[in-house]
Amino acid sequence: MTLKAHWQGILNAFDSRLSNGSVEGMNGQIQIAKGRARGFRTTKNLITICYLVCGKLTHLPASPYGTRCSSAVA
């Protein structure tokens, strides 16, 4: 009965070739951010961190702390 009820959706999935892989990837990044922070004071702060982690923002300034990685060979 379940296959018959969802048959059109199953066929549409094969036609569209869409998946939720990117959403699952973002969910993983958010879970890691939550684990690192061990609690934000407000929900607004958590949402802001989620945008920073998953938003692919390109207009942010460079980190003032810089990186000192000497293992990269040019």
C-alpha atoms as a PDB file:
ATOM      1  CA  MET A   1       0.000   0.000   0.000  1.00  0.00           C
ATOM      2  CA  THR A   2       2.817   2.447   0.804  1.00  0.00           C
ATOM      3  CA  LEU A   3       4.438   2.114  -2.616  1.00  0.00           C
ATOM      4  CA  LYS A   4       1.126   2.635  -4.366  1.00  0.00           C
ATOM      5  CA  ALA A   5       0.399   5.749  -2.299  1.00  0.00           C
ATOM      6  CA  HIS A   6       3.800   7.316  -3.062  1.00  0.00           C
ATOM      7  CA  TRP A   7       4.398   5.954  -6.570  1.00  0.00           C
ATOM      8  CA  GLN A   8       4.190   9.321  -8.349  1.00  0.00           C
ATOM      9  CA  GLY A   9       6.665  10.856  -5.887  1.00  0.00           C
ATOM     10  CA  ILE A  10       9.064   7.960  -6.422  1.00  0.00           C
ATOM     11  CA  LEU A  11       8.939   8.442 -10.183  1.00  0.00           C
ATOM     12  CA  ASN A  12       9.423  12.211  -9.790  1.00  0.00           C
ATOM     13  CA  ALA A  13      12.546  11.584  -7.690  1.00  0.00           C
ATOM     14  CA  PHE A  14      14.106   9.584 -10.513  1.00  0.00           C
ATOM     15  CA  ASP A  15      13.188  12.232 -13.076  1.00  0.00           C
ATOM     16  CA  SER A  16      14.420  15.259 -11.105  1.00  0.00           C
ATOM     17  CA  ARG A  17      17.598  13.653  -9.695  1.00  0.00           C
ATOM     18  CA  LEU A  18      17.335  15.927  -6.645  1.00  0.00           C
ATOM     19  CA  SER A  19      18.615  14.837  -3.257  1.00  0.00           C
ATOM     20  CA  ASN A  20      18.840  16.232   0.227  1.00  0.00           C
ATOM     21  CA  GLY A  21      22.606  15.702   0.428  1.00  0.00           C
ATOM     22  CA  SER A  22      23.424  19.408   0.646  1.00  0.00           C
ATOM     23  CA  VAL A  23      20.872  19.908   3.424  1.00  0.00           C
ATOM     24  CA  GLU A  24      22.346  16.976   5.361  1.00  0.00           C
ATOM     25  CA  GLY A  25      25.811  18.500   4.927  1.00  0.00           C
ATOM     26  CA  MET A  26      24.623  21.816   6.348  1.00  0.00           C
ATOM     27  CA  ASN A  27      22.976  19.978   9.222  1.00  0.00           C
ATOM     28  CA  GLY A  28      26.295  18.312  10.010  1.00  0.00           C
ATOM     29  CA  GLN A  29      28.090  21.673  10.034  1.00  0.00           C
ATOM     30  CA  ILE A  30      25.458  23.138  12.359  1.00  0.00           C
ATOM     31  CA  GLN A  31      25.733  20.170  14.723  1.00  0.00           C
ATOM     32  CA  ILE A  32      29.524  20.625  14.873  1.00  0.00           C
ATOM     33  CA  ALA A  33      29.112  24.350  15.595  1.00  0.00           C
ATOM     34  CA  LYS A  34      26.641  23.547  18.385  1.00  0.00           C
ATOM     35  CA  GLY A  35      29.034  21.032  19.858  1.00  0.00           C
ATOM     36  CA  ARG A  36      31.960  23.454  19.811  1.00  0.00           C
ATOM     37  CA  ALA A  37      29.998  26.221  21.469  1.00  0.00           C
ATOM     38  CA  ARG A  38      28.337  24.042  24.102  1.00  0.00           C
ATOM     39  CA  GLY A  39      25.382  26.346  24.258  1.00  0.00           C
ATOM     40  CA  PHE A  40      24.629  29.818  23.032  1.00  0.00           C
ATOM     41  CA  ARG A  41      23.004  32.395  25.265  1.00  0.00           C
ATOM     42  CA  THR A  42      20.103  32.997  22.882  1.00  0.00           C
ATOM     43  CA  THR A  43      18.526  31.338  19.893  1.00  0.00           C
ATOM     44  CA  LYS A  44      19.375  34.440  17.859  1.00  0.00           C
ATOM     45  CA  ASN A  45      23.094  33.801  18.466  1.00  0.00           C
ATOM     46  CA  LEU A  46      22.766  30.191  17.314  1.00  0.00           C
ATOM     47  CA  ILE A  47      20.974  31.294  14.147  1.00  0.00           C
ATOM     48  CA  THR A  48      23.725  33.848  13.474  1.00  0.00           C
ATOM     49  CA  ILE A  49      26.413  31.174  13.836  1.00  0.00           C
ATOM     50  CA  CYS A  50      24.460  28.915  11.463  1.00  0.00           C
ATOM     51  CA  TYR A  51      24.440  31.663   8.837  1.00  0.00           C
ATOM     52  CA  LEU A  52      28.167  32.225   9.292  1.00  0.00           C
ATOM     53  CA  VAL A  53      28.988  28.524   9.050  1.00  0.00           C
ATOM     54  CA  CYS A  54      26.630  27.544   6.228  1.00  0.00           C
ATOM     55  CA  GLY A  55      25.969  30.801   4.408  1.00  0.00           C
ATOM     56  CA  LYS A  56      29.024  30.764   2.102  1.00  0.00           C
ATOM     57  CA  LEU A  57      29.435  34.471   2.757  1.00  0.00           C
ATOM     58  CA  THR A  58      32.139  36.109   0.646  1.00  0.00           C
ATOM     59  CA  HIS A  59      32.001  39.714   1.847  1.00  0.00           C
ATOM     60  CA  LEU A  60      33.362  39.129   5.346  1.00  0.00           C
ATOM     61  CA  PRO A  61      36.634  40.802   6.352  1.00  0.00           C
ATOM     62  CA  ALA A  62      39.743  38.689   6.779  1.00  0.00           C
ATOM     63  CA  SER A  63      40.464  37.274  10.205  1.00  0.00           C
ATOM     64  CA  PRO A  64      42.581  39.641  12.304  1.00  0.00           C
ATOM     65  CA  TYR A  65      44.350  36.632  13.814  1.00  0.00           C
ATOM     66  CA  GLY A  66      45.781  35.312  10.540  1.00  0.00           C
ATOM     67  CA  THR A  67      47.078  31.827  10.019  1.00  0.00           C
ATOM     68  CA  ARG A  68      50.650  30.750  10.434  1.00  0.00           C
ATOM     69  CA  CYS A  69      50.593  27.475   8.605  1.00  0.00           C
ATOM     70  CA  SER A  70      54.028  26.616   7.283  1.00  0.00           C
ATOM     71  CA  SER A  71      53.068  23.230   5.865  1.00  0.00           C
ATOM     72  CA  ALA A  72      51.635  24.729   2.656  1.00  0.00           C
ATOM     73  CA  VAL A  73      54.179  24.683  -0.151  1.00  0.00           C
ATOM     74  CA  ALA A  74      53.735  27.181  -2.973  1.00  0.00           C
END
